Protein backbone atom coordinates (compact mmCIF):
# COMPACT_ATOMS: atom_id res chain seq x y z
CA MET A 1 -1.04 80.42 -51.44
CA PRO A 2 -1.09 76.65 -50.84
CA GLU A 3 2.18 74.74 -50.81
CA VAL A 4 3.21 73.26 -54.18
CA HIS A 5 5.16 69.99 -54.24
CA GLU A 6 7.02 69.14 -57.47
CA THR A 7 7.76 65.55 -58.45
CA ASP A 8 8.02 63.46 -61.62
CA PHE A 9 5.05 61.12 -61.17
CA ILE A 10 2.08 60.87 -58.81
CA ILE A 11 0.27 57.64 -57.99
CA VAL A 12 -3.01 57.75 -56.08
CA GLY A 13 -3.42 54.41 -54.30
CA ALA A 14 -1.03 51.93 -52.73
CA GLY A 15 -2.53 48.59 -53.70
CA VAL A 16 -1.00 46.12 -56.14
CA ALA A 17 -1.43 48.33 -59.24
CA GLY A 18 -0.09 51.49 -57.61
CA LEU A 19 2.92 49.87 -55.95
CA ARG A 20 3.91 47.91 -59.06
CA ALA A 21 3.69 51.10 -61.14
CA ALA A 22 5.77 53.01 -58.58
CA ILE A 23 8.51 50.38 -58.71
CA GLY A 24 8.55 50.54 -62.49
CA LEU A 25 8.66 54.34 -62.64
CA ALA A 26 11.42 54.62 -60.07
CA SER A 27 13.68 52.18 -61.92
CA ASP A 28 15.21 55.03 -63.93
CA ARG A 29 15.63 57.27 -60.85
CA ALA A 30 12.45 59.28 -61.43
CA ARG A 31 10.83 60.79 -58.33
CA VAL A 32 7.55 59.04 -57.53
CA LEU A 33 4.97 60.19 -54.98
CA VAL A 34 2.50 57.50 -53.83
CA VAL A 35 -0.50 58.92 -51.95
CA THR A 36 -2.94 56.92 -49.86
CA LYS A 37 -5.68 58.25 -47.61
CA GLU A 38 -5.08 55.75 -44.79
CA ALA A 39 -2.23 53.49 -43.74
CA LEU A 40 -0.38 51.76 -46.55
CA ALA A 41 -1.82 48.41 -45.47
CA GLU A 42 -5.42 49.52 -46.00
CA SER A 43 -6.38 48.59 -49.55
CA ASN A 44 -8.46 46.00 -51.37
CA THR A 45 -5.23 44.18 -52.20
CA TRP A 46 -4.58 43.44 -48.52
CA TYR A 47 -8.02 41.84 -48.15
CA ALA A 48 -7.83 39.62 -51.25
CA GLN A 49 -8.20 36.03 -50.06
CA GLY A 50 -8.74 33.88 -53.11
CA GLY A 51 -5.42 34.03 -54.90
CA ILE A 52 -3.82 35.13 -58.15
CA ALA A 53 -4.56 33.34 -61.41
CA VAL A 54 -1.57 32.76 -63.68
CA ALA A 55 -0.72 30.33 -66.47
CA LEU A 56 2.66 28.86 -65.48
CA SER A 57 2.54 25.69 -67.59
CA GLY A 58 3.39 27.05 -71.02
CA ASP A 59 1.57 28.19 -74.14
CA GLU A 60 -1.34 25.76 -73.85
CA ASP A 61 -2.09 26.96 -70.32
CA VAL A 62 -1.87 30.61 -71.48
CA ALA A 63 -4.33 29.89 -74.31
CA LEU A 64 -6.74 28.18 -71.92
CA HIS A 65 -6.47 31.06 -69.43
CA LEU A 66 -7.40 33.42 -72.27
CA ASP A 67 -10.38 31.27 -73.21
CA ASP A 68 -11.57 31.08 -69.60
CA THR A 69 -11.27 34.87 -69.20
CA VAL A 70 -13.21 35.51 -72.41
CA ASN A 71 -15.89 32.95 -71.59
CA ALA A 72 -16.45 34.36 -68.09
CA GLY A 73 -16.86 37.87 -69.54
CA ASP A 74 -20.09 36.88 -71.32
CA GLY A 75 -19.34 38.17 -74.81
CA LEU A 76 -17.85 41.53 -73.84
CA VAL A 77 -14.18 40.96 -73.06
CA ASN A 78 -11.65 43.13 -74.87
CA ARG A 79 -9.61 40.28 -76.30
CA GLU A 80 -6.47 42.40 -76.74
CA ALA A 81 -6.50 43.32 -73.05
CA ALA A 82 -7.18 39.73 -72.02
CA ARG A 83 -4.31 38.50 -74.19
CA VAL A 84 -1.96 41.02 -72.55
CA LEU A 85 -3.15 39.89 -69.12
CA VAL A 86 -2.56 36.17 -69.58
CA GLU A 87 0.64 36.45 -71.68
CA GLU A 88 2.42 38.95 -69.42
CA GLY A 89 1.08 37.48 -66.18
CA PRO A 90 3.76 34.79 -65.79
CA LEU A 91 6.53 37.41 -66.11
CA ARG A 92 4.96 39.60 -63.40
CA VAL A 93 4.43 36.67 -61.03
CA ASP A 94 8.03 35.60 -61.62
CA GLU A 95 9.04 39.10 -60.47
CA LEU A 96 7.08 38.59 -57.28
CA LEU A 97 8.86 35.31 -56.66
CA ARG A 98 12.25 36.97 -57.19
CA TRP A 99 11.22 39.73 -54.77
CA GLY A 100 10.53 37.16 -52.07
CA THR A 101 6.74 36.69 -52.22
CA ASP A 102 5.96 33.59 -50.15
CA PHE A 103 3.40 31.65 -52.18
CA ASP A 104 2.20 28.33 -50.77
CA ARG A 105 4.09 25.24 -51.86
CA GLU A 106 3.50 21.51 -51.76
CA GLY A 107 6.51 19.24 -51.79
CA GLY A 108 8.67 22.22 -52.68
CA ARG A 109 6.62 23.11 -55.77
CA LEU A 110 4.17 25.99 -56.10
CA MET A 111 0.70 24.79 -55.12
CA LEU A 112 -1.90 25.52 -57.80
CA THR A 113 -5.61 25.31 -56.99
CA ARG A 114 -8.82 25.82 -58.95
CA GLU A 115 -11.66 28.33 -58.67
CA GLY A 116 -14.95 29.00 -60.43
CA ALA A 117 -15.00 29.05 -64.27
CA HIS A 118 -11.32 28.02 -64.56
CA SER A 119 -10.69 24.98 -66.76
CA ARG A 120 -7.65 23.85 -64.77
CA ASN A 121 -5.70 24.48 -61.57
CA ARG A 122 -3.83 27.78 -61.94
CA ILE A 123 -4.48 29.76 -58.74
CA LEU A 124 -1.55 30.63 -56.50
CA HIS A 125 -2.21 31.30 -52.82
CA ALA A 126 -0.13 32.64 -49.97
CA HIS A 127 -0.59 31.63 -46.31
CA GLY A 128 -3.80 29.88 -47.27
CA ASP A 129 -6.22 32.77 -47.62
CA ALA A 130 -3.94 35.82 -47.26
CA THR A 131 -2.66 36.09 -50.83
CA GLY A 132 -3.32 39.79 -51.30
CA ALA A 133 -1.66 40.71 -48.03
CA GLU A 134 1.48 38.72 -48.91
CA ILE A 135 1.72 40.29 -52.39
CA ALA A 136 1.21 43.75 -50.90
CA ARG A 137 3.88 43.13 -48.25
CA SER A 138 6.32 41.99 -50.91
CA LEU A 139 5.68 45.00 -53.17
CA LEU A 140 5.77 47.44 -50.26
CA ARG A 141 9.05 46.01 -48.99
CA HIS A 142 10.53 46.41 -52.45
CA ALA A 143 9.15 49.94 -52.89
CA ARG A 144 10.46 51.10 -49.52
CA ALA A 145 13.97 50.07 -50.53
CA ILE A 146 13.90 52.46 -53.51
CA PRO A 147 14.98 55.96 -52.38
CA HIS A 148 13.14 57.77 -55.19
CA ILE A 149 9.71 56.57 -54.01
CA THR A 150 7.93 58.70 -51.40
CA LEU A 151 5.02 56.98 -49.63
CA LEU A 152 2.55 59.50 -48.24
CA GLU A 153 -0.06 58.08 -45.84
CA TRP A 154 -3.19 59.61 -44.30
CA THR A 155 -3.60 62.11 -47.12
CA THR A 156 -6.81 62.46 -49.12
CA THR A 157 -6.72 63.34 -52.80
CA VAL A 158 -9.36 66.02 -53.31
CA SER A 159 -9.26 66.47 -57.08
CA LEU A 160 -7.19 66.43 -60.23
CA ASP A 161 -5.53 69.69 -61.25
CA LEU A 162 -5.95 70.74 -64.91
CA HIS A 163 -4.26 73.20 -67.23
CA ASP A 164 -5.32 73.59 -70.88
CA GLY A 165 -7.23 70.30 -70.70
CA ALA A 166 -4.29 68.24 -69.39
CA VAL A 167 -3.84 66.82 -65.89
CA THR A 168 -0.94 68.53 -64.14
CA GLY A 169 -1.23 67.12 -60.63
CA VAL A 170 -3.53 66.69 -57.68
CA THR A 171 -4.90 68.68 -54.77
CA LEU A 172 -4.28 66.99 -51.42
CA VAL A 173 -5.50 67.52 -47.87
CA ASP A 174 -3.94 65.91 -44.81
CA ARG A 175 -5.52 64.96 -41.48
CA GLU A 176 -4.92 68.44 -40.08
CA GLY A 177 -6.69 70.07 -43.00
CA ARG A 178 -3.52 71.39 -44.66
CA ILE A 179 -3.87 71.75 -48.43
CA THR A 180 -1.06 70.88 -50.85
CA HIS A 181 -0.83 70.86 -54.63
CA ALA A 182 1.40 68.14 -56.05
CA ARG A 183 2.51 68.60 -59.65
CA ALA A 184 3.95 65.95 -61.95
CA ARG A 185 4.53 64.91 -65.56
CA ALA A 186 1.77 62.32 -65.21
CA VAL A 187 -0.75 61.06 -62.67
CA LEU A 188 -1.79 57.42 -62.25
CA LEU A 189 -5.12 56.67 -60.54
CA ALA A 190 -4.81 53.26 -58.87
CA SER A 191 -7.26 53.99 -56.09
CA GLY A 192 -9.40 50.86 -56.32
CA GLY A 193 -13.11 50.37 -56.74
CA ALA A 194 -16.30 51.68 -55.18
CA GLY A 195 -17.48 48.81 -52.99
CA GLN A 196 -18.88 51.15 -50.34
CA VAL A 197 -21.54 52.37 -52.77
CA TYR A 198 -23.53 49.30 -51.61
CA SER A 199 -24.72 48.56 -48.08
CA ASP A 200 -23.71 44.88 -48.32
CA THR A 201 -20.09 44.67 -49.43
CA THR A 202 -16.92 42.65 -48.93
CA ASN A 203 -14.81 45.79 -49.50
CA PRO A 204 -12.97 47.77 -46.81
CA ALA A 205 -14.28 51.20 -45.82
CA VAL A 206 -11.72 53.05 -47.97
CA THR A 207 -13.20 51.88 -51.29
CA THR A 208 -15.28 54.96 -52.08
CA GLY A 209 -14.62 55.29 -55.81
CA ASP A 210 -12.33 58.29 -55.37
CA GLY A 211 -10.27 57.90 -58.54
CA ILE A 212 -13.28 57.22 -60.75
CA ALA A 213 -15.18 60.21 -59.36
CA MET A 214 -12.17 62.53 -59.71
CA ALA A 215 -11.56 61.42 -63.28
CA TRP A 216 -15.23 61.92 -64.16
CA SER A 217 -15.25 65.39 -62.60
CA ALA A 218 -12.17 66.29 -64.65
CA GLY A 219 -13.86 65.16 -67.88
CA ALA A 220 -12.46 61.65 -68.43
CA GLU A 221 -14.48 58.92 -70.13
CA ILE A 222 -15.94 56.20 -67.89
CA SER A 223 -16.93 52.71 -69.10
CA ASP A 224 -18.90 49.62 -68.08
CA MET A 225 -20.13 50.93 -64.74
CA GLU A 226 -23.24 48.76 -64.97
CA PHE A 227 -21.10 45.65 -64.43
CA TYR A 228 -20.68 45.29 -60.68
CA GLN A 229 -19.72 41.83 -59.52
CA PHE A 230 -21.49 40.51 -56.45
CA HIS A 231 -19.49 37.79 -54.74
CA PRO A 232 -21.81 34.82 -54.13
CA THR A 233 -20.59 33.85 -50.68
CA ALA A 234 -20.26 36.46 -47.97
CA LEU A 235 -20.98 35.42 -44.40
CA SER A 236 -24.58 36.24 -43.52
CA LEU A 237 -25.07 36.66 -39.77
CA PRO A 238 -27.24 39.35 -38.13
CA GLY A 239 -25.15 42.27 -36.96
CA VAL A 240 -21.91 40.88 -38.43
CA GLN A 241 -19.96 42.48 -41.28
CA ARG A 242 -20.25 40.80 -44.68
CA PHE A 243 -17.03 38.82 -44.37
CA LEU A 244 -15.82 37.27 -47.64
CA LEU A 245 -15.84 33.48 -47.84
CA SER A 246 -13.39 32.91 -50.65
CA GLU A 247 -14.14 31.24 -53.97
CA ALA A 248 -11.35 28.87 -53.00
CA LEU A 249 -13.74 27.17 -50.56
CA ARG A 250 -15.84 26.03 -53.51
CA GLY A 251 -12.64 25.27 -55.39
CA GLU A 252 -11.84 22.77 -52.63
CA GLY A 253 -15.25 21.14 -52.92
CA ALA A 254 -17.76 23.20 -50.89
CA TRP A 255 -21.43 22.75 -51.80
CA LEU A 256 -24.30 25.21 -51.64
CA ARG A 257 -27.54 24.17 -49.93
CA ASN A 258 -30.88 25.93 -49.61
CA SER A 259 -33.09 26.14 -46.53
CA CYS A 260 -34.48 22.68 -47.30
CA GLY A 261 -31.00 21.19 -47.29
CA GLU A 262 -30.99 20.67 -51.07
CA ARG A 263 -27.88 21.12 -53.18
CA PHE A 264 -29.35 23.36 -55.87
CA MET A 265 -26.68 24.50 -58.35
CA GLU A 266 -27.45 21.70 -60.81
CA ARG A 267 -30.61 23.67 -61.66
CA TYR A 268 -28.54 26.67 -62.78
CA HIS A 269 -25.29 25.59 -64.45
CA PRO A 270 -23.42 22.40 -65.43
CA LEU A 271 -20.33 23.57 -63.51
CA LEU A 272 -22.43 23.56 -60.32
CA GLU A 273 -20.72 25.52 -57.51
CA LEU A 274 -17.83 26.40 -59.86
CA ALA A 275 -20.04 28.27 -62.30
CA PRO A 276 -19.22 31.95 -63.06
CA ARG A 277 -19.78 34.24 -60.11
CA ASP A 278 -22.76 36.10 -61.54
CA ILE A 279 -24.67 32.85 -62.07
CA VAL A 280 -23.88 31.54 -58.58
CA ALA A 281 -24.79 34.86 -56.96
CA ARG A 282 -28.18 35.02 -58.69
CA ALA A 283 -28.85 31.37 -57.87
CA ILE A 284 -28.23 32.02 -54.16
CA THR A 285 -30.46 35.10 -54.31
CA ARG A 286 -33.32 33.14 -55.92
CA GLU A 287 -32.98 30.18 -53.56
CA GLY A 288 -33.09 32.63 -50.66
CA MET A 289 -36.41 34.19 -51.72
CA GLY A 290 -39.37 32.84 -49.78
CA PRO A 291 -42.92 32.61 -51.23
CA ALA A 292 -44.04 35.69 -49.30
CA GLY A 293 -40.90 37.66 -50.08
CA GLU A 294 -39.14 36.72 -46.87
CA GLN A 295 -35.42 35.92 -46.93
CA LEU A 296 -34.56 32.26 -46.48
CA PRO A 297 -31.10 31.05 -45.44
CA VAL A 298 -28.63 29.59 -47.94
CA PHE A 299 -25.61 27.67 -46.69
CA LEU A 300 -22.06 26.79 -47.68
CA ASP A 301 -21.37 23.16 -46.76
CA MET A 302 -17.85 21.74 -46.34
CA ARG A 303 -18.68 19.00 -43.89
CA HIS A 304 -17.99 16.35 -46.53
CA VAL A 305 -14.52 17.71 -47.43
CA THR A 306 -12.21 15.45 -45.45
CA LYS A 307 -9.04 15.17 -47.55
CA ILE A 308 -7.57 18.51 -46.47
CA ASP A 309 -7.06 20.31 -43.17
CA LEU A 310 -9.55 23.17 -43.55
CA VAL A 311 -8.10 25.21 -40.70
CA ALA A 312 -4.59 25.03 -42.17
CA ARG A 313 -5.85 25.71 -45.70
CA PHE A 314 -8.08 28.65 -44.67
CA PRO A 315 -6.60 30.06 -41.46
CA GLY A 316 -7.99 33.61 -41.74
CA ILE A 317 -11.50 32.44 -42.60
CA SER A 318 -11.40 29.81 -39.87
CA ARG A 319 -10.35 32.38 -37.25
CA PHE A 320 -13.15 34.75 -38.21
CA LEU A 321 -15.78 32.00 -38.19
CA ALA A 322 -14.54 30.74 -34.82
CA GLU A 323 -15.16 34.19 -33.34
CA HIS A 324 -18.83 33.58 -34.16
CA GLY A 325 -19.00 29.96 -33.03
CA LEU A 326 -18.74 28.39 -36.48
CA GLN A 327 -16.40 25.78 -37.98
CA LEU A 328 -16.05 24.80 -41.64
CA ARG A 329 -15.67 21.13 -40.72
CA ARG A 330 -18.73 21.04 -38.46
CA ASP A 331 -21.30 23.65 -39.50
CA LEU A 332 -23.43 24.84 -42.35
CA ILE A 333 -22.21 28.40 -42.93
CA PRO A 334 -24.93 30.96 -43.82
CA VAL A 335 -24.06 32.99 -46.92
CA ARG A 336 -25.52 35.61 -49.24
CA PRO A 337 -24.10 37.71 -52.09
CA ALA A 338 -22.36 41.03 -51.42
CA ALA A 339 -20.85 43.73 -53.63
CA HIS A 340 -17.30 42.69 -54.45
CA TYR A 341 -15.67 44.06 -57.61
CA LEU A 342 -16.33 46.77 -60.19
CA MET A 343 -15.56 45.68 -63.76
CA GLY A 344 -16.09 49.24 -65.00
CA GLY A 345 -14.14 52.38 -64.27
CA ILE A 346 -11.98 54.97 -66.01
CA ARG A 347 -11.72 54.03 -69.67
CA THR A 348 -8.14 53.21 -70.64
CA ASP A 349 -6.16 51.48 -73.35
CA VAL A 350 -3.97 48.49 -72.52
CA SER A 351 -1.21 50.84 -71.36
CA GLY A 352 -3.34 52.77 -68.90
CA ARG A 353 -3.88 55.90 -71.01
CA THR A 354 -7.17 57.66 -70.34
CA SER A 355 -9.02 60.17 -72.52
CA LEU A 356 -7.26 63.04 -70.69
CA PRO A 357 -3.65 63.97 -71.46
CA ARG A 358 -1.15 63.02 -68.72
CA LEU A 359 -3.76 60.96 -66.83
CA TYR A 360 -3.45 57.18 -66.45
CA ALA A 361 -5.37 54.55 -64.52
CA ALA A 362 -4.78 50.92 -63.54
CA GLY A 363 -6.33 48.22 -61.40
CA GLU A 364 -9.96 48.26 -60.28
CA ALA A 365 -10.26 52.02 -60.88
CA ALA A 366 -9.60 51.43 -64.59
CA CYS A 367 -11.58 49.77 -67.35
CA THR A 368 -9.64 48.17 -70.19
CA GLY A 369 -12.51 45.79 -70.92
CA VAL A 370 -10.33 42.88 -69.74
CA HIS A 371 -13.12 41.48 -67.55
CA GLY A 372 -16.01 42.16 -69.88
CA ALA A 373 -19.32 41.74 -68.11
CA ASN A 374 -18.01 39.40 -65.40
CA ARG A 375 -14.49 39.02 -63.96
CA LEU A 376 -12.95 35.56 -63.88
CA ALA A 377 -12.04 34.59 -60.32
CA SER A 378 -8.54 35.65 -59.17
CA ASN A 379 -7.78 37.72 -62.28
CA SER A 380 -7.87 40.99 -60.32
CA LEU A 381 -4.49 40.78 -58.57
CA LEU A 382 -2.94 39.77 -61.87
CA GLU A 383 -4.63 42.72 -63.56
CA GLY A 384 -3.08 45.13 -61.07
CA LEU A 385 0.41 43.72 -61.60
CA VAL A 386 0.26 43.58 -65.39
CA PHE A 387 -1.43 46.90 -66.12
CA GLY A 388 0.35 48.76 -63.32
CA ALA A 389 3.66 47.74 -64.91
CA ARG A 390 2.46 48.65 -68.41
CA ALA A 391 1.26 52.09 -67.29
CA ALA A 392 4.68 52.81 -65.80
CA GLU A 393 6.37 51.96 -69.09
CA VAL A 394 4.48 54.58 -71.08
CA MET A 395 4.26 57.22 -68.33
CA ARG A 396 8.05 57.56 -68.52
CA ASP A 397 7.69 59.08 -71.99
CA GLU A 398 5.63 62.05 -70.76
CA SER A 399 7.45 65.37 -71.22
CA PRO A 400 8.14 67.68 -68.26
CA LEU A 401 5.40 70.13 -67.36
CA PRO A 402 5.60 73.65 -68.77
CA GLN A 403 5.79 76.62 -66.44
CA LEU A 404 2.39 76.88 -64.75
CA PRO A 405 0.67 79.74 -62.93
CA PRO A 406 0.32 79.51 -59.15
CA PRO A 407 -2.57 77.24 -58.12
CA GLU A 408 -5.74 78.60 -56.60
CA ALA A 409 -6.32 77.75 -52.98
CA PRO A 410 -9.56 75.80 -52.45
CA GLN A 411 -11.66 77.20 -49.64
CA PRO A 412 -12.06 74.78 -46.73
CA SER A 413 -15.50 74.47 -45.26
CA PRO A 414 -16.63 73.45 -41.79
CA THR A 415 -16.85 69.77 -40.98
CA GLN A 416 -20.42 68.53 -41.37
CA ASP A 417 -22.04 66.05 -39.02
CA HIS A 418 -24.59 64.46 -41.37
CA PHE A 419 -22.27 62.74 -43.89
CA ALA A 420 -22.81 59.33 -42.27
CA VAL A 421 -26.56 59.62 -42.83
CA LEU A 422 -26.10 60.62 -46.47
CA ARG A 423 -23.66 57.77 -47.01
CA GLN A 424 -26.12 55.25 -45.56
CA ARG A 425 -28.86 56.58 -47.84
CA ILE A 426 -26.64 56.10 -50.91
CA GLU A 427 -25.69 52.57 -49.84
CA ARG A 428 -29.30 51.63 -49.17
CA VAL A 429 -30.79 52.93 -52.41
CA MET A 430 -28.02 51.34 -54.47
CA TRP A 431 -28.45 47.95 -52.78
CA GLU A 432 -32.23 47.95 -53.03
CA LYS A 433 -32.69 49.43 -56.51
CA ALA A 434 -29.41 48.97 -58.43
CA GLY A 435 -28.04 45.75 -56.97
CA LEU A 436 -28.02 42.16 -58.11
CA LEU A 437 -31.48 42.22 -59.76
CA ARG A 438 -32.56 45.41 -61.54
CA ASP A 439 -35.42 46.88 -63.56
CA ALA A 440 -36.28 50.24 -65.11
CA GLU A 441 -38.72 51.24 -62.37
CA GLY A 442 -36.19 50.66 -59.60
CA LEU A 443 -33.33 52.30 -61.49
CA ARG A 444 -35.38 55.42 -62.20
CA ALA A 445 -36.39 55.57 -58.55
CA ALA A 446 -32.70 55.28 -57.64
CA GLN A 447 -31.87 58.17 -59.97
CA ALA A 448 -34.51 60.36 -58.34
CA GLU A 449 -33.35 59.58 -54.82
CA LEU A 450 -29.69 60.07 -55.72
CA ALA A 451 -30.56 63.47 -57.20
CA GLU A 452 -32.21 64.43 -53.92
CA ILE A 453 -29.21 63.20 -51.92
CA GLY A 454 -26.83 65.09 -54.20
CA ARG A 455 -28.54 68.38 -53.40
CA ALA A 456 -27.89 67.76 -49.71
CA ILE A 457 -24.14 67.11 -50.04
CA PRO A 458 -22.16 70.29 -49.33
CA VAL A 459 -18.86 71.09 -51.01
CA THR A 460 -16.22 70.42 -48.37
CA LEU A 461 -12.59 69.52 -47.89
CA ASP A 462 -13.51 67.22 -45.04
CA ARG A 463 -12.58 63.61 -45.92
CA ALA A 464 -16.00 62.27 -44.98
CA GLY A 465 -17.65 64.78 -47.28
CA ILE A 466 -15.26 64.05 -50.14
CA GLU A 467 -15.97 60.32 -49.85
CA VAL A 468 -19.74 60.81 -49.79
CA ARG A 469 -19.59 62.97 -52.90
CA ASN A 470 -17.40 60.41 -54.66
CA LEU A 471 -19.78 57.57 -53.73
CA HIS A 472 -22.69 59.65 -54.99
CA THR A 473 -20.91 60.22 -58.31
CA CYS A 474 -20.17 56.51 -58.72
CA GLY A 475 -23.75 55.59 -57.82
CA ASP A 476 -25.04 57.99 -60.47
CA LEU A 477 -22.72 56.48 -63.07
CA ILE A 478 -23.71 52.90 -62.20
CA VAL A 479 -27.43 53.63 -62.34
CA ALA A 480 -27.25 55.56 -65.63
CA ALA A 481 -25.28 52.76 -67.32
CA ALA A 482 -27.57 50.06 -65.91
CA LEU A 483 -30.64 51.92 -67.16
CA ALA A 484 -29.16 52.32 -70.65
CA ARG A 485 -28.21 48.65 -71.07
CA GLU A 486 -31.60 47.05 -71.77
CA GLU A 487 -30.43 43.45 -71.60
CA SER A 488 -28.97 40.98 -69.13
CA ARG A 489 -25.30 40.13 -69.49
CA GLY A 490 -22.79 38.88 -66.94
CA ALA A 491 -23.07 40.72 -63.64
CA HIS A 492 -25.77 43.06 -65.01
CA PHE A 493 -29.22 41.47 -64.76
CA ARG A 494 -32.47 43.21 -65.71
CA ASN A 495 -35.71 41.51 -64.67
CA ASP A 496 -37.47 43.47 -67.43
CA PHE A 497 -34.86 42.46 -70.06
CA PRO A 498 -33.79 39.00 -68.87
CA ARG A 499 -31.97 37.91 -72.04
CA ARG A 500 -28.66 38.84 -73.59
CA ASP A 501 -29.15 41.04 -76.68
CA ASP A 502 -26.22 40.70 -79.07
CA ALA A 503 -28.02 42.68 -81.76
CA ARG A 504 -28.12 45.89 -79.69
CA PHE A 505 -25.58 45.58 -76.88
CA PRO A 506 -22.44 43.65 -77.87
CA LYS A 507 -20.37 46.73 -76.96
CA HIS A 508 -19.06 48.61 -73.93
CA SER A 509 -20.90 51.53 -72.36
CA VAL A 510 -18.97 54.80 -72.53
CA GLN A 511 -20.11 57.74 -70.41
CA ARG A 512 -19.14 61.28 -71.31
CA ARG A 513 -20.56 64.62 -70.25
CA ASP A 514 -24.34 64.45 -70.77
CA SER A 515 -24.14 61.34 -72.99
CA ILE A 516 -23.81 57.59 -72.91
CA ALA A 517 -22.98 55.44 -75.93
CA PHE A 518 -22.11 51.81 -76.67
CA GLU A 519 -18.78 51.34 -78.43
CA ASN A 520 -16.07 48.78 -79.17
CA PHE A 521 -12.77 49.15 -77.37
């Protein structure tokens, strides 16, 4: 029989949403187990450069933040969720300040900057372009000081455990292949997005859609998977990873130029380089298409920005560029879009409840509808704080588990050596046929190839195999939702349906077993 670990609450993921939830749950001395498959520092939160958006200037600022969030979401934002986000955001950021988070200041006051589609300066940064890492350090330091929180690294969550239709815990496997069942009153999935489903991505290697895939396999509802945000400006150098070049660069005045040296955004949106991300990403893609289908370079230009010290303002970005012989002050920086953020995920209410009893979700793994069809820049860290805290508040009310039968021991299988090939196939087909520009022919071809790949993925307890299967599940969900939404809205663009269709599709996609529907949240 496998070992069974009893606790009060389980959190899968140690980014901003998971850590904030853990702190909230442990405040009344409940036992909290936080599980992460790598080191605690390896999460999307740690890599977030741009900042955290928050309305700190009173009710008018809160109202404008709500309007900006709704407008960026292209007619699909769940207004209740957005209201919760912007109204509770200042309280959560104030907590971070009290816990010692070192946000950048100017003359002793918090420095607020602006990013795309924001109507005013409301973005907080830390150490220039290391905001996520500073927030994560602050939360982790606070969590480690709470004796009721157990932080379990290098442990992969295999699946959710179920009894009579309710989630009762998780199955875990460590680096040595030892299997453990952890049982709890409630489970929170805060495991991040699925950036690795695409070949070109700004996401770290751990973002393989694990929570979304596990929830789907257990029978939970999934929403808005067609809305994948592609960040407009990732570094584009042959043989170099797609390193994120933060929205904050354009917030400080960077221009975009095509291969002819023209500044082109005036052809696409009145906000120019500060237009919503989906519009900027598609503009860069179109400007980078040559007449014979060849890819032309597009550049980020900061050579004219002389009022700030770019190295001091963007130290992490400057260091990475310098490793490749580039300087913001001196050079045109080649850029192209890359997969960045999943607006969809496990369908939840504004308190993190999913369609399965005792299962909750928060952060990028969840879908409250707060981002609609296109996330407003720098709302993601705020989302994790706000909805991680709200999930903790309602999880406390879950009753203790009843007496359960002993768990079945999953059968480990031999490690396979072809998972890397299967993973590359998934990434390639998703980028080529279900990426920034889509159509029915390409999406159906993606479905067929994914079906073929799925037949080649063995059932295994090897981490590489688990991740490939989870990526495959997320790819399937994205493609099915993209095929069903026969319109263009926000981050979802169909060449064969290039206009927004408010008569047929003003609702959220909801995927259930063998069905997909469009519903209001």
